[in-house]
């Protein structure tokens, strides 16, 4: 793949350009960080992702943690096992720069859970002039009887969420995590979504 900044053209127009011709902002990449002037992204020493929005000063900590816990439910609904196995968190390691700019900057990281039965590869990418952090996760999940989740703290405890559904967006109120065990099926505090889930309030979310 080639990243190329092209000049704007009028109808039936043409122009010559060079890969080094970049009129706008650039992306810089270090060993554990990315910066495009709008967002600054880094993998912390604790193995989680943090992000700063340079335009608003908002900080987002402990992003994109993988979490696994035992699951005694069926293929659709989660149910905690009677043994009480708690959640186990993975950390991103072996971080390296795969694209160093100036149009795109990208970091690669790896994580392993359940004694290596679950392996994940994470790609974090920033584009020049774009206020979006692009995240790609490739999973190799060879473990059974467990639930695997990607955690993204929003800083919006107790606020409603808007989730994509098959017939349009749906607003959902926050639910408390259920701790009681049921003999057949434990009601879950989460719900399916299509394409997106958003939770926001004030200047954060």
N, C-alpha and C. Protein backbone atom coordinates (compact mmCIF):
# COMPACT_ATOMS: atom_id res chain seq x y z
N UNK A 1 0.84 -1.19 0.00
CA UNK A 1 0.00 0.00 0.00
C UNK A 1 0.87 1.24 0.00
N UNK A 2 0.42 2.28 -0.69
CA UNK A 2 1.15 3.53 -0.78
C UNK A 2 0.25 4.66 -0.30
N UNK A 3 0.76 5.49 0.62
CA UNK A 3 0.03 6.69 1.06
C UNK A 3 0.56 7.87 0.27
N UNK A 4 -0.34 8.63 -0.36
CA UNK A 4 0.06 9.72 -1.23
C UNK A 4 -0.87 10.90 -1.01
N UNK A 5 -0.30 12.09 -0.78
CA UNK A 5 -1.08 13.32 -0.67
C UNK A 5 -1.20 13.93 -2.05
N UNK A 6 -2.42 14.03 -2.56
CA UNK A 6 -2.62 14.56 -3.91
C UNK A 6 -3.23 15.95 -3.83
N UNK A 7 -2.86 16.85 -4.72
CA UNK A 7 -3.44 18.20 -4.73
C UNK A 7 -4.88 18.16 -5.23
N UNK A 8 -5.66 19.17 -4.81
CA UNK A 8 -7.03 19.27 -5.32
C UNK A 8 -7.01 19.71 -6.78
N UNK A 9 -7.91 19.12 -7.57
CA UNK A 9 -7.97 19.39 -9.00
C UNK A 9 -9.36 19.84 -9.40
N UNK A 10 -9.43 20.72 -10.38
CA UNK A 10 -10.71 21.06 -11.00
C UNK A 10 -11.07 20.00 -12.03
N UNK A 11 -12.27 20.06 -12.51
CA UNK A 11 -12.72 19.09 -13.50
C UNK A 11 -11.80 19.04 -14.71
N UNK A 12 -11.43 17.86 -15.12
CA UNK A 12 -10.54 17.63 -16.26
C UNK A 12 -9.17 18.28 -16.06
N UNK A 13 -8.80 18.54 -14.80
CA UNK A 13 -7.51 19.15 -14.53
C UNK A 13 -6.45 18.09 -14.28
N UNK A 14 -5.21 18.52 -14.24
CA UNK A 14 -4.12 17.60 -13.93
C UNK A 14 -3.02 18.39 -13.23
N UNK A 15 -2.16 17.66 -12.51
CA UNK A 15 -1.03 18.28 -11.81
C UNK A 15 0.00 17.21 -11.54
N UNK A 16 1.23 17.63 -11.35
CA UNK A 16 2.28 16.69 -10.98
C UNK A 16 2.59 16.88 -9.50
N UNK A 17 2.96 15.80 -8.83
CA UNK A 17 3.27 15.87 -7.41
C UNK A 17 4.37 14.88 -7.10
N UNK A 18 4.89 14.96 -5.88
CA UNK A 18 5.97 14.08 -5.44
C UNK A 18 5.61 13.56 -4.06
N UNK A 19 5.97 12.33 -3.72
CA UNK A 19 5.60 11.81 -2.40
C UNK A 19 6.06 12.70 -1.24
N UNK A 20 7.11 13.50 -1.44
CA UNK A 20 7.59 14.36 -0.35
C UNK A 20 6.79 15.65 -0.24
N UNK A 21 5.92 15.94 -1.23
CA UNK A 21 5.12 17.16 -1.19
C UNK A 21 3.93 16.96 -0.26
N UNK A 22 3.98 17.53 0.93
CA UNK A 22 2.91 17.38 1.90
C UNK A 22 2.54 18.76 2.42
N UNK A 23 1.46 19.36 1.91
CA UNK A 23 1.15 20.74 2.28
C UNK A 23 0.62 20.88 3.71
N UNK A 24 -0.01 19.85 4.25
CA UNK A 24 -0.64 19.95 5.56
C UNK A 24 0.20 19.40 6.68
N UNK A 25 -0.45 19.04 7.79
CA UNK A 25 0.27 18.51 8.95
C UNK A 25 0.85 17.13 8.68
N UNK A 26 1.82 16.77 9.51
CA UNK A 26 2.50 15.49 9.36
C UNK A 26 2.28 14.63 10.59
N UNK A 27 2.48 13.34 10.41
CA UNK A 27 2.41 12.39 11.52
C UNK A 27 3.82 12.02 11.92
N UNK A 28 4.08 12.04 13.23
CA UNK A 28 5.37 11.57 13.73
C UNK A 28 5.14 10.32 14.57
N UNK A 29 6.11 9.42 14.55
CA UNK A 29 5.98 8.16 15.27
C UNK A 29 7.27 7.88 16.03
N UNK A 30 7.14 7.50 17.31
CA UNK A 30 8.27 7.10 18.11
C UNK A 30 8.17 5.62 18.44
N UNK A 31 8.96 5.17 19.40
CA UNK A 31 8.97 3.74 19.73
C UNK A 31 7.65 3.28 20.34
N UNK A 32 6.96 4.17 21.07
CA UNK A 32 5.69 3.79 21.70
C UNK A 32 4.62 4.87 21.55
N UNK A 33 4.78 5.80 20.62
CA UNK A 33 3.84 6.91 20.54
C UNK A 33 3.60 7.33 19.09
N UNK A 34 2.45 7.99 18.89
CA UNK A 34 2.07 8.59 17.61
C UNK A 34 1.55 10.00 17.88
N UNK A 35 1.75 10.91 16.92
CA UNK A 35 1.27 12.29 17.08
C UNK A 35 1.02 12.87 15.69
N UNK A 36 -0.19 13.42 15.49
CA UNK A 36 -0.48 14.08 14.22
C UNK A 36 -0.90 15.54 14.41
N UNK A 37 -0.60 16.09 15.59
CA UNK A 37 -0.97 17.47 15.87
C UNK A 37 -2.38 17.61 16.41
N UNK A 38 -3.24 16.65 16.16
CA UNK A 38 -4.60 16.64 16.70
C UNK A 38 -4.70 15.66 17.86
N UNK A 39 -4.17 14.48 17.66
CA UNK A 39 -4.18 13.44 18.68
C UNK A 39 -2.76 13.01 19.00
N UNK A 40 -2.54 12.71 20.26
CA UNK A 40 -1.29 12.09 20.69
C UNK A 40 -1.64 10.77 21.35
N UNK A 41 -1.06 9.68 20.86
CA UNK A 41 -1.39 8.33 21.31
C UNK A 41 -0.11 7.65 21.75
N UNK A 42 -0.20 6.91 22.86
CA UNK A 42 0.98 6.20 23.36
C UNK A 42 0.55 4.92 24.04
N UNK A 43 1.43 3.93 24.02
CA UNK A 43 1.25 2.71 24.81
C UNK A 43 2.02 2.90 26.10
N UNK A 44 1.30 2.91 27.24
CA UNK A 44 1.90 3.19 28.54
C UNK A 44 2.77 2.02 29.00
N UNK A 45 3.63 2.25 30.00
CA UNK A 45 4.41 1.15 30.55
C UNK A 45 3.57 0.01 31.11
N UNK A 46 2.31 0.32 31.51
CA UNK A 46 1.43 -0.75 32.03
C UNK A 46 0.80 -1.57 30.91
N UNK A 47 1.14 -1.28 29.65
CA UNK A 47 0.65 -2.07 28.53
C UNK A 47 -0.71 -1.67 28.03
N UNK A 48 -1.21 -0.51 28.41
CA UNK A 48 -2.50 -0.02 27.92
C UNK A 48 -2.28 1.26 27.11
N UNK A 49 -3.33 1.67 26.41
CA UNK A 49 -3.23 2.80 25.49
C UNK A 49 -3.78 4.06 26.15
N UNK A 50 -3.09 5.16 25.98
CA UNK A 50 -3.61 6.45 26.43
C UNK A 50 -3.62 7.41 25.25
N UNK A 51 -4.57 8.35 25.27
CA UNK A 51 -4.73 9.27 24.16
C UNK A 51 -5.04 10.66 24.69
N UNK A 52 -4.46 11.68 24.06
CA UNK A 52 -4.74 13.08 24.39
C UNK A 52 -5.24 13.79 23.14
N UNK A 53 -6.38 14.47 23.28
CA UNK A 53 -6.91 15.29 22.20
C UNK A 53 -6.29 16.68 22.35
N UNK A 54 -5.38 17.03 21.47
CA UNK A 54 -4.67 18.31 21.58
C UNK A 54 -5.61 19.50 21.39
N UNK A 55 -6.73 19.32 20.71
CA UNK A 55 -7.63 20.44 20.45
C UNK A 55 -8.42 20.84 21.68
N UNK A 56 -8.79 19.86 22.53
CA UNK A 56 -9.61 20.14 23.70
C UNK A 56 -8.86 19.93 25.01
N UNK A 57 -7.71 19.24 24.97
CA UNK A 57 -7.00 18.91 26.19
C UNK A 57 -7.54 17.70 26.91
N UNK A 58 -8.52 17.02 26.34
CA UNK A 58 -9.11 15.84 26.99
C UNK A 58 -8.12 14.68 26.98
N UNK A 59 -8.06 13.96 28.11
CA UNK A 59 -7.17 12.80 28.25
C UNK A 59 -8.01 11.53 28.40
N UNK A 60 -7.59 10.47 27.74
CA UNK A 60 -8.24 9.17 27.84
C UNK A 60 -7.18 8.16 28.25
N UNK A 61 -7.43 7.47 29.37
CA UNK A 61 -6.45 6.55 29.94
C UNK A 61 -6.97 5.11 29.91
N UNK A 62 -6.05 4.15 29.95
CA UNK A 62 -6.34 2.73 30.09
C UNK A 62 -7.31 2.23 29.01
N UNK A 63 -7.03 2.59 27.78
CA UNK A 63 -7.88 2.20 26.65
C UNK A 63 -7.44 0.84 26.09
N UNK A 64 -8.40 0.14 25.49
CA UNK A 64 -8.15 -1.06 24.69
C UNK A 64 -7.50 -2.19 25.48
N UNK A 65 -7.97 -2.43 26.70
CA UNK A 65 -7.48 -3.58 27.45
C UNK A 65 -8.31 -4.81 27.10
N UNK A 66 -7.66 -5.94 26.90
CA UNK A 66 -8.36 -7.20 26.65
C UNK A 66 -8.62 -7.87 27.99
N UNK A 67 -9.83 -8.40 28.16
CA UNK A 67 -10.20 -9.04 29.42
C UNK A 67 -10.91 -10.36 29.14
N UNK A 68 -10.50 -11.42 29.84
CA UNK A 68 -11.13 -12.73 29.69
C UNK A 68 -11.62 -13.21 31.05
N UNK A 69 -12.71 -13.94 31.04
CA UNK A 69 -13.23 -14.58 32.26
C UNK A 69 -14.01 -15.83 31.87
N UNK A 70 -14.09 -16.77 32.81
CA UNK A 70 -14.79 -18.01 32.54
C UNK A 70 -16.25 -17.79 32.20
N UNK A 71 -16.79 -18.66 31.35
CA UNK A 71 -18.16 -18.52 30.87
C UNK A 71 -18.83 -19.89 30.87
N UNK A 72 -19.93 -20.00 31.65
CA UNK A 72 -20.69 -21.25 31.70
C UNK A 72 -21.99 -21.15 30.90
N UNK A 73 -22.14 -20.09 30.13
CA UNK A 73 -23.38 -19.90 29.37
C UNK A 73 -23.38 -20.63 28.05
N UNK A 74 -24.38 -20.33 27.24
CA UNK A 74 -24.47 -20.97 25.92
C UNK A 74 -23.73 -20.10 24.91
N UNK A 75 -23.95 -20.36 23.62
CA UNK A 75 -23.22 -19.63 22.59
C UNK A 75 -23.73 -18.21 22.40
N UNK A 76 -24.83 -17.85 23.07
CA UNK A 76 -25.41 -16.51 22.91
C UNK A 76 -25.24 -15.67 24.16
N UNK A 77 -25.57 -16.22 25.34
CA UNK A 77 -25.60 -15.45 26.57
C UNK A 77 -24.47 -15.86 27.51
N UNK A 78 -23.81 -14.85 28.09
CA UNK A 78 -22.77 -15.09 29.08
C UNK A 78 -23.39 -15.47 30.42
N UNK A 79 -22.75 -16.39 31.14
CA UNK A 79 -23.15 -16.75 32.50
C UNK A 79 -21.90 -17.09 33.29
N UNK A 80 -21.66 -16.43 34.43
CA UNK A 80 -20.43 -16.70 35.18
C UNK A 80 -20.42 -18.12 35.72
N UNK A 81 -19.27 -18.78 35.77
CA UNK A 81 -19.19 -20.15 36.27
C UNK A 81 -19.35 -20.19 37.78
N UNK A 82 -19.78 -21.33 38.28
CA UNK A 82 -20.00 -21.48 39.72
C UNK A 82 -18.71 -21.39 40.50
N UNK A 83 -17.57 -21.71 39.88
CA UNK A 83 -16.30 -21.66 40.58
C UNK A 83 -15.83 -20.27 40.92
N UNK A 84 -16.45 -19.26 40.32
CA UNK A 84 -16.11 -17.89 40.64
C UNK A 84 -14.81 -17.40 40.05
N UNK A 85 -14.43 -17.92 38.88
CA UNK A 85 -13.22 -17.44 38.22
C UNK A 85 -13.40 -15.99 37.81
N UNK A 86 -12.52 -15.13 38.31
CA UNK A 86 -12.64 -13.71 38.02
C UNK A 86 -12.00 -13.31 36.71
N UNK A 87 -12.21 -12.07 36.29
CA UNK A 87 -11.63 -11.59 35.04
C UNK A 87 -10.10 -11.55 35.10
N UNK A 88 -9.47 -11.80 33.96
CA UNK A 88 -8.02 -11.69 33.81
C UNK A 88 -7.74 -10.72 32.67
N UNK A 89 -6.86 -9.77 32.91
CA UNK A 89 -6.56 -8.74 31.91
C UNK A 89 -5.25 -9.03 31.22
N UNK A 90 -5.21 -8.73 29.92
CA UNK A 90 -3.98 -8.84 29.15
C UNK A 90 -3.35 -7.48 28.97
N UNK A 91 -2.08 -7.45 28.66
CA UNK A 91 -1.35 -6.21 28.43
C UNK A 91 -0.66 -6.26 27.07
N UNK A 92 -0.62 -5.11 26.42
CA UNK A 92 0.03 -5.04 25.11
C UNK A 92 1.54 -4.93 25.29
N UNK A 93 2.27 -5.74 24.54
CA UNK A 93 3.72 -5.80 24.65
C UNK A 93 4.33 -5.92 23.25
N UNK A 94 5.64 -5.99 23.21
CA UNK A 94 6.38 -6.11 21.94
C UNK A 94 5.96 -5.00 20.97
N UNK A 95 5.93 -3.77 21.47
CA UNK A 95 5.48 -2.64 20.66
C UNK A 95 6.57 -2.24 19.68
N UNK A 96 6.19 -2.01 18.43
CA UNK A 96 7.15 -1.53 17.44
C UNK A 96 6.44 -0.61 16.45
N UNK A 97 7.21 0.27 15.84
CA UNK A 97 6.69 1.18 14.83
C UNK A 97 6.68 0.48 13.48
N UNK A 98 5.52 0.44 12.84
CA UNK A 98 5.43 -0.21 11.52
C UNK A 98 5.30 0.81 10.39
N UNK A 99 4.80 2.02 10.69
CA UNK A 99 4.76 3.11 9.71
C UNK A 99 5.19 4.38 10.43
N UNK A 100 6.19 5.07 9.91
CA UNK A 100 6.79 6.19 10.63
C UNK A 100 6.38 7.56 10.10
N UNK A 101 5.34 7.65 9.25
CA UNK A 101 4.91 8.94 8.72
C UNK A 101 5.51 9.19 7.35
N UNK A 102 5.29 10.40 6.78
CA UNK A 102 4.60 11.53 7.40
C UNK A 102 3.09 11.55 7.21
N UNK A 103 2.54 10.74 6.29
CA UNK A 103 1.09 10.74 6.07
C UNK A 103 0.38 9.81 7.04
N UNK A 104 1.00 8.71 7.39
CA UNK A 104 0.41 7.71 8.29
C UNK A 104 1.46 7.30 9.30
N UNK A 105 1.05 7.18 10.55
CA UNK A 105 1.91 6.60 11.58
C UNK A 105 1.19 5.43 12.20
N UNK A 106 1.89 4.33 12.44
CA UNK A 106 1.23 3.14 12.98
C UNK A 106 2.16 2.39 13.92
N UNK A 107 1.57 1.89 15.00
CA UNK A 107 2.26 1.04 15.96
C UNK A 107 1.63 -0.34 15.95
N UNK A 108 2.44 -1.35 16.21
CA UNK A 108 1.96 -2.73 16.33
C UNK A 108 2.30 -3.23 17.73
N UNK A 109 1.36 -3.98 18.35
CA UNK A 109 1.57 -4.56 19.67
C UNK A 109 0.91 -5.93 19.71
N UNK A 110 1.34 -6.75 20.68
CA UNK A 110 0.82 -8.11 20.82
C UNK A 110 0.44 -8.37 22.27
N UNK A 111 -0.53 -9.27 22.45
CA UNK A 111 -0.95 -9.68 23.79
C UNK A 111 -1.32 -11.15 23.76
N UNK A 112 -1.18 -11.81 24.92
CA UNK A 112 -1.53 -13.23 25.05
C UNK A 112 -2.25 -13.43 26.37
N UNK A 113 -3.32 -14.24 26.36
CA UNK A 113 -4.09 -14.56 27.55
C UNK A 113 -4.34 -16.06 27.58
N UNK A 114 -4.82 -16.53 28.72
CA UNK A 114 -5.16 -17.94 28.89
C UNK A 114 -4.01 -18.85 28.49
N UNK A 115 -2.86 -18.57 29.09
CA UNK A 115 -1.65 -19.38 28.86
C UNK A 115 -1.29 -19.48 27.38
N UNK A 116 -1.53 -18.40 26.66
CA UNK A 116 -1.18 -18.36 25.25
C UNK A 116 -2.23 -18.91 24.31
N UNK A 117 -3.37 -19.40 24.83
CA UNK A 117 -4.42 -19.91 23.95
C UNK A 117 -5.14 -18.78 23.22
N UNK A 118 -5.10 -17.58 23.76
CA UNK A 118 -5.69 -16.42 23.11
C UNK A 118 -4.56 -15.46 22.77
N UNK A 119 -4.39 -15.18 21.49
CA UNK A 119 -3.35 -14.26 21.05
C UNK A 119 -3.99 -13.14 20.24
N UNK A 120 -3.46 -11.93 20.42
CA UNK A 120 -4.03 -10.77 19.74
C UNK A 120 -2.93 -9.90 19.18
N UNK A 121 -3.21 -9.30 18.03
CA UNK A 121 -2.30 -8.35 17.39
C UNK A 121 -3.05 -7.05 17.19
N UNK A 122 -2.49 -5.95 17.70
CA UNK A 122 -3.13 -4.64 17.65
C UNK A 122 -2.34 -3.71 16.74
N UNK A 123 -3.06 -2.99 15.87
CA UNK A 123 -2.47 -1.94 15.05
C UNK A 123 -3.17 -0.63 15.40
N UNK A 124 -2.39 0.37 15.84
CA UNK A 124 -2.89 1.71 16.10
C UNK A 124 -2.37 2.62 14.99
N UNK A 125 -3.25 3.39 14.36
CA UNK A 125 -2.84 4.22 13.22
C UNK A 125 -3.45 5.61 13.32
N UNK A 126 -2.63 6.61 13.03
CA UNK A 126 -3.08 7.99 12.87
C UNK A 126 -2.79 8.44 11.45
N UNK A 127 -3.75 9.20 10.87
CA UNK A 127 -3.57 9.77 9.55
C UNK A 127 -3.32 11.27 9.69
N UNK A 128 -2.56 11.84 8.80
CA UNK A 128 -2.32 13.28 8.81
C UNK A 128 -3.64 14.02 8.58
N UNK A 129 -3.92 14.99 9.45
CA UNK A 129 -5.12 15.81 9.28
C UNK A 129 -6.41 15.16 9.72
N UNK A 130 -6.36 13.99 10.37
CA UNK A 130 -7.56 13.28 10.78
C UNK A 130 -7.62 13.16 12.30
N UNK A 131 -8.76 13.52 12.94
CA UNK A 131 -8.88 13.42 14.40
C UNK A 131 -9.39 12.07 14.87
N UNK A 132 -9.03 11.00 14.17
CA UNK A 132 -9.53 9.67 14.47
C UNK A 132 -8.36 8.73 14.73
N UNK A 133 -8.43 7.97 15.82
CA UNK A 133 -7.48 6.89 16.07
C UNK A 133 -8.07 5.61 15.50
N UNK A 134 -7.38 5.02 14.55
CA UNK A 134 -7.86 3.80 13.92
C UNK A 134 -7.21 2.59 14.60
N UNK A 135 -8.04 1.65 15.03
CA UNK A 135 -7.56 0.49 15.79
C UNK A 135 -8.00 -0.78 15.06
N UNK A 136 -7.08 -1.67 14.81
CA UNK A 136 -7.37 -2.96 14.21
C UNK A 136 -6.83 -4.05 15.13
N UNK A 137 -7.68 -5.01 15.48
CA UNK A 137 -7.26 -6.11 16.35
C UNK A 137 -7.52 -7.42 15.62
N UNK A 138 -6.49 -8.24 15.50
CA UNK A 138 -6.59 -9.57 14.90
C UNK A 138 -6.47 -10.58 16.03
N UNK A 139 -7.47 -11.46 16.16
CA UNK A 139 -7.52 -12.42 17.27
C UNK A 139 -7.32 -13.85 16.77
N UNK A 140 -6.59 -14.61 17.58
CA UNK A 140 -6.51 -16.07 17.41
C UNK A 140 -6.97 -16.66 18.74
N UNK A 141 -8.25 -17.05 18.79
CA UNK A 141 -8.88 -17.47 20.05
C UNK A 141 -9.09 -18.97 20.03
N UNK A 142 -8.15 -19.70 20.65
CA UNK A 142 -8.24 -21.16 20.68
C UNK A 142 -8.75 -21.68 22.02
N UNK A 143 -9.13 -20.81 22.94
CA UNK A 143 -9.60 -21.22 24.27
C UNK A 143 -11.12 -21.39 24.25
N UNK A 144 -11.62 -22.28 25.10
CA UNK A 144 -13.06 -22.51 25.21
C UNK A 144 -13.60 -22.04 26.54
N UNK A 145 -14.93 -21.93 26.61
CA UNK A 145 -15.63 -21.61 27.85
C UNK A 145 -15.11 -20.34 28.51
N UNK A 146 -14.99 -19.29 27.74
CA UNK A 146 -14.62 -18.01 28.32
C UNK A 146 -15.20 -16.88 27.48
N UNK A 147 -15.31 -15.71 28.12
CA UNK A 147 -15.78 -14.52 27.43
C UNK A 147 -14.59 -13.56 27.27
N UNK A 148 -14.42 -13.03 26.07
CA UNK A 148 -13.32 -12.12 25.77
C UNK A 148 -13.92 -10.77 25.42
N UNK A 149 -13.44 -9.73 26.14
CA UNK A 149 -13.98 -8.39 25.92
C UNK A 149 -12.84 -7.39 25.71
N UNK A 150 -13.15 -6.32 24.98
CA UNK A 150 -12.25 -5.19 24.80
C UNK A 150 -12.82 -4.04 25.61
N UNK A 151 -12.05 -3.54 26.56
CA UNK A 151 -12.53 -2.50 27.48
C UNK A 151 -12.08 -1.12 27.01
N UNK A 152 -13.04 -0.17 27.00
CA UNK A 152 -12.77 1.22 26.63
C UNK A 152 -13.46 2.12 27.65
N UNK A 153 -12.77 2.55 28.70
CA UNK A 153 -13.39 3.45 29.68
C UNK A 153 -13.78 4.78 29.02
N UNK A 154 -14.98 5.27 29.34
CA UNK A 154 -15.46 6.52 28.75
C UNK A 154 -15.42 7.69 29.70
N UNK A 155 -15.29 7.42 31.02
CA UNK A 155 -15.39 8.50 31.99
C UNK A 155 -16.80 9.00 32.16
N UNK A 156 -17.79 8.24 31.70
CA UNK A 156 -19.19 8.63 31.76
C UNK A 156 -19.98 7.63 32.60
N UNK A 157 -19.57 7.42 33.83
CA UNK A 157 -20.23 6.42 34.69
C UNK A 157 -21.70 6.76 34.88
N UNK A 158 -22.56 5.77 34.65
CA UNK A 158 -23.99 5.94 34.86
C UNK A 158 -24.74 6.63 33.74
N UNK A 159 -24.04 7.07 32.70
CA UNK A 159 -24.73 7.77 31.60
C UNK A 159 -25.31 6.76 30.61
N UNK A 160 -26.29 7.23 29.83
CA UNK A 160 -26.88 6.39 28.80
C UNK A 160 -25.88 6.15 27.67
N UNK A 161 -26.14 5.10 26.92
CA UNK A 161 -25.35 4.80 25.73
C UNK A 161 -26.28 4.71 24.53
N UNK A 162 -25.79 5.05 23.38
CA UNK A 162 -26.53 4.91 22.12
C UNK A 162 -25.84 3.82 21.32
N UNK A 163 -26.60 2.79 20.95
CA UNK A 163 -26.03 1.65 20.24
C UNK A 163 -26.72 1.48 18.89
N UNK A 164 -25.94 1.06 17.91
CA UNK A 164 -26.52 0.75 16.62
C UNK A 164 -27.30 -0.55 16.69
N UNK A 165 -28.50 -0.55 16.12
CA UNK A 165 -29.34 -1.73 16.10
C UNK A 165 -29.76 -2.07 14.68
N UNK A 166 -30.43 -3.20 14.49
CA UNK A 166 -30.81 -3.59 13.13
C UNK A 166 -31.80 -2.63 12.48
N UNK A 167 -32.57 -1.86 13.30
CA UNK A 167 -33.57 -0.94 12.73
C UNK A 167 -33.26 0.51 13.07
N UNK A 168 -32.03 0.79 13.54
CA UNK A 168 -31.65 2.16 13.85
C UNK A 168 -31.05 2.26 15.23
N UNK A 169 -30.57 3.45 15.61
CA UNK A 169 -29.94 3.63 16.92
C UNK A 169 -30.92 3.42 18.07
N UNK A 170 -30.42 2.85 19.16
CA UNK A 170 -31.23 2.58 20.35
C UNK A 170 -30.52 3.19 21.56
N UNK A 171 -31.27 3.93 22.41
CA UNK A 171 -30.70 4.49 23.63
C UNK A 171 -30.89 3.50 24.77
N UNK A 172 -29.82 3.22 25.51
CA UNK A 172 -29.86 2.24 26.58
C UNK A 172 -29.33 2.86 27.87
N UNK A 173 -30.04 2.62 28.97
CA UNK A 173 -29.62 3.12 30.27
C UNK A 173 -28.53 2.22 30.83
N UNK A 174 -27.70 2.78 31.71
CA UNK A 174 -26.63 2.00 32.33
C UNK A 174 -27.23 0.96 33.26
N UNK A 175 -26.58 -0.19 33.36
CA UNK A 175 -27.01 -1.27 34.25
C UNK A 175 -25.89 -1.64 35.21
N UNK A 176 -26.28 -2.07 36.38
CA UNK A 176 -25.29 -2.53 37.34
C UNK A 176 -24.84 -3.95 36.98
N UNK A 177 -23.60 -4.25 37.28
CA UNK A 177 -23.09 -5.60 37.03
C UNK A 177 -23.76 -6.57 37.99
N UNK A 178 -24.28 -7.67 37.44
CA UNK A 178 -24.97 -8.66 38.26
C UNK A 178 -23.97 -9.60 38.91
N UNK A 179 -24.13 -9.80 40.22
CA UNK A 179 -23.23 -10.69 40.96
C UNK A 179 -23.94 -11.97 41.41
N UNK A 180 -25.26 -11.98 41.40
CA UNK A 180 -25.99 -13.17 41.83
C UNK A 180 -25.95 -14.24 40.74
N UNK A 181 -25.80 -15.51 41.15
CA UNK A 181 -25.82 -16.62 40.20
C UNK A 181 -27.23 -17.18 40.08
N UNK A 182 -27.63 -17.50 38.89
CA UNK A 182 -28.94 -18.07 38.61
C UNK A 182 -28.78 -19.54 38.24
N UNK A 183 -29.77 -20.39 38.55
CA UNK A 183 -29.61 -21.84 38.28
C UNK A 183 -29.54 -22.16 36.79
N UNK A 184 -30.19 -21.39 35.95
CA UNK A 184 -30.22 -21.72 34.53
C UNK A 184 -29.44 -20.70 33.69
N UNK A 185 -29.85 -19.46 33.72
CA UNK A 185 -29.21 -18.46 32.88
C UNK A 185 -29.17 -17.13 33.63
N UNK A 186 -27.99 -16.53 33.73
CA UNK A 186 -27.83 -15.26 34.41
C UNK A 186 -28.11 -14.12 33.45
N UNK A 187 -29.06 -13.21 33.79
CA UNK A 187 -29.30 -12.05 32.92
C UNK A 187 -28.03 -11.22 32.78
N UNK A 188 -27.73 -10.78 31.58
CA UNK A 188 -26.50 -10.04 31.33
C UNK A 188 -26.75 -8.54 31.42
N UNK A 189 -25.69 -7.81 31.75
CA UNK A 189 -25.79 -6.36 31.85
C UNK A 189 -25.41 -5.67 30.54
N UNK A 190 -25.06 -6.44 29.54
CA UNK A 190 -24.70 -5.88 28.24
C UNK A 190 -25.71 -6.35 27.20
N UNK A 191 -25.64 -5.78 26.02
CA UNK A 191 -26.60 -6.11 24.97
C UNK A 191 -25.91 -6.05 23.61
N UNK A 192 -26.42 -6.80 22.62
CA UNK A 192 -25.80 -6.77 21.30
C UNK A 192 -25.90 -5.40 20.66
N UNK A 193 -24.98 -5.13 19.75
CA UNK A 193 -24.98 -3.87 19.02
C UNK A 193 -24.53 -4.12 17.59
N UNK A 194 -24.97 -3.26 16.69
CA UNK A 194 -24.55 -3.30 15.29
C UNK A 194 -23.70 -2.07 15.00
N UNK A 195 -22.47 -2.25 14.61
CA UNK A 195 -21.57 -1.21 14.09
C UNK A 195 -21.00 -0.30 15.14
N UNK A 196 -21.77 0.17 16.14
CA UNK A 196 -21.19 1.17 17.04
C UNK A 196 -21.92 1.18 18.38
N UNK A 197 -21.22 1.69 19.42
CA UNK A 197 -21.81 2.06 20.69
C UNK A 197 -21.16 3.37 21.10
N UNK A 198 -21.96 4.36 21.52
CA UNK A 198 -21.43 5.68 21.88
C UNK A 198 -21.99 6.09 23.24
N UNK A 199 -21.12 6.66 24.08
CA UNK A 199 -21.53 7.19 25.38
C UNK A 199 -20.80 8.50 25.56
N UNK A 200 -21.52 9.59 25.76
CA UNK A 200 -20.89 10.91 25.83
C UNK A 200 -21.69 11.83 26.73
N UNK A 201 -20.99 12.82 27.26
CA UNK A 201 -21.62 13.85 28.07
C UNK A 201 -20.64 14.98 28.28
N UNK A 202 -21.11 16.23 28.17
CA UNK A 202 -20.19 17.37 28.29
C UNK A 202 -19.19 17.35 27.16
N UNK A 203 -17.89 17.34 27.50
CA UNK A 203 -16.84 17.36 26.47
C UNK A 203 -16.07 16.05 26.44
N UNK A 204 -16.65 15.00 27.01
CA UNK A 204 -15.96 13.71 27.05
C UNK A 204 -16.90 12.61 26.61
N UNK A 205 -16.33 11.42 26.36
CA UNK A 205 -17.15 10.29 25.97
C UNK A 205 -16.35 9.28 25.18
